[in-house]
Amino acid sequence: MQKFRELPEDTIKVILSFTINKVFDLSQVCKYFNTHIFNLRIREIKYNQFPKMKDEHLEKLVSLTSLDLSYNNCITNSALEKLTNLASLIK
């Protein structure tokens, strides 16, 4: 549970939006939840959705196909190079 709290607040809100009974459903997830949630749900990041996202978070989103970095100045080219499925990028 500690690692879940270390996620950016915007990411936690997105994760919680996928569940109806937030306390019960989140208590049923496996110990690898933090590692795998990025690959399961997030395929697109829209305008100003995660303004505090950093390289280490973005690198885990290997299934990302669309990314809008209009309000994010923290992401570098090295993180973008690892996104092999990325089809759309707005900077």
Protein backbone atom coordinates (compact mmCIF):
# COMPACT_ATOMS: atom_id res chain seq x y z
CA MET A 1 0.00 0.00 0.00
CA GLN A 2 2.92 2.34 0.63
CA LYS A 3 3.98 2.30 -3.03
CA PHE A 4 0.44 3.13 -4.12
CA ARG A 5 0.61 6.33 -2.07
CA GLU A 6 3.91 7.24 -3.73
CA LEU A 7 2.23 7.49 -7.14
CA PRO A 8 1.39 10.96 -8.47
CA GLU A 9 -2.00 12.15 -7.23
CA ASP A 10 -3.35 12.31 -10.80
CA THR A 11 -2.47 8.64 -11.36
CA ILE A 12 -4.18 7.58 -8.13
CA LYS A 13 -7.36 9.38 -9.23
CA VAL A 14 -7.33 7.55 -12.56
CA ILE A 15 -6.81 4.18 -10.87
CA LEU A 16 -9.64 4.81 -8.41
CA SER A 17 -11.95 5.87 -11.24
CA PHE A 18 -11.87 2.27 -12.57
CA THR A 19 -13.47 0.79 -9.48
CA ILE A 20 -16.90 1.08 -7.87
CA ASN A 21 -16.16 0.00 -4.30
CA LYS A 22 -12.78 1.67 -3.85
CA VAL A 23 -11.78 0.15 -0.51
CA PHE A 24 -12.87 -3.42 -1.22
CA ASP A 25 -11.62 -3.62 -4.81
CA LEU A 26 -8.21 -2.17 -4.03
CA SER A 27 -7.76 -4.56 -1.11
CA GLN A 28 -8.10 -7.47 -3.53
CA VAL A 29 -5.24 -6.55 -5.87
CA CYS A 30 -1.97 -8.44 -5.94
CA LYS A 31 1.33 -7.22 -4.58
CA TYR A 32 2.47 -6.29 -8.09
CA PHE A 33 -0.38 -3.84 -8.62
CA ASN A 34 1.88 -0.78 -8.79
CA THR A 35 4.09 -2.34 -11.42
CA HIS A 36 1.34 -3.66 -13.68
CA ILE A 37 -1.40 -1.04 -13.49
CA PHE A 38 0.44 1.18 -15.95
CA ASN A 39 0.49 -1.54 -18.59
CA LEU A 40 -3.14 -2.53 -18.09
CA ARG A 41 -5.14 0.66 -18.32
CA ILE A 42 -3.31 3.70 -19.63
CA ARG A 43 -3.10 3.83 -23.43
CA GLU A 44 -3.51 7.57 -23.92
CA ILE A 45 -2.51 10.63 -21.91
CA LYS A 46 -4.50 13.69 -22.84
CA TYR A 47 -3.90 17.41 -22.47
CA ASN A 48 -2.84 18.36 -18.92
CA GLN A 49 -3.87 14.94 -17.49
CA PHE A 50 -0.59 14.27 -15.64
CA PRO A 51 1.34 17.56 -15.48
CA LYS A 52 3.75 16.25 -12.80
CA MET A 53 4.72 13.04 -14.62
CA LYS A 54 8.44 12.35 -14.80
CA ASP A 55 10.61 10.10 -16.98
CA GLU A 56 10.59 7.18 -14.54
CA HIS A 57 6.76 7.06 -14.65
CA LEU A 58 6.51 7.45 -18.41
CA GLU A 59 9.01 4.67 -19.12
CA LYS A 60 6.63 2.15 -17.55
CA LEU A 61 3.82 3.02 -19.97
CA VAL A 62 5.01 0.73 -22.75
CA SER A 63 1.51 0.32 -24.21
CA LEU A 64 0.98 4.09 -24.56
CA THR A 65 -0.18 5.06 -28.07
CA SER A 66 -1.01 8.75 -27.67
CA LEU A 67 0.73 11.38 -25.54
CA ASP A 68 0.11 15.11 -25.08
CA LEU A 69 2.93 16.83 -23.19
CA SER A 70 1.65 20.39 -23.62
CA TYR A 71 1.96 21.21 -19.92
CA ASN A 72 4.79 18.87 -19.00
CA ASN A 73 8.38 20.11 -19.21
CA CYS A 74 9.88 17.23 -17.18
CA ILE A 75 9.86 14.51 -19.86
CA THR A 76 13.07 13.98 -21.82
CA ASN A 77 13.84 12.28 -25.14
CA SER A 78 15.36 9.26 -23.39
CA ALA A 79 11.98 8.37 -21.87
CA LEU A 80 10.15 8.90 -25.17
CA GLU A 81 12.53 6.56 -27.01
CA LYS A 82 11.31 3.64 -24.90
CA LEU A 83 7.67 4.10 -25.95
CA THR A 84 7.67 1.80 -28.97
CA ASN A 85 3.87 1.84 -29.43
CA LEU A 86 3.59 5.64 -29.40
CA ALA A 87 1.80 6.80 -32.55
CA SER A 88 0.86 10.37 -31.58
CA LEU A 89 2.96 12.90 -29.68
CA ILE A 90 2.04 16.53 -28.99
CA LYS A 91 4.69 18.66 -27.32
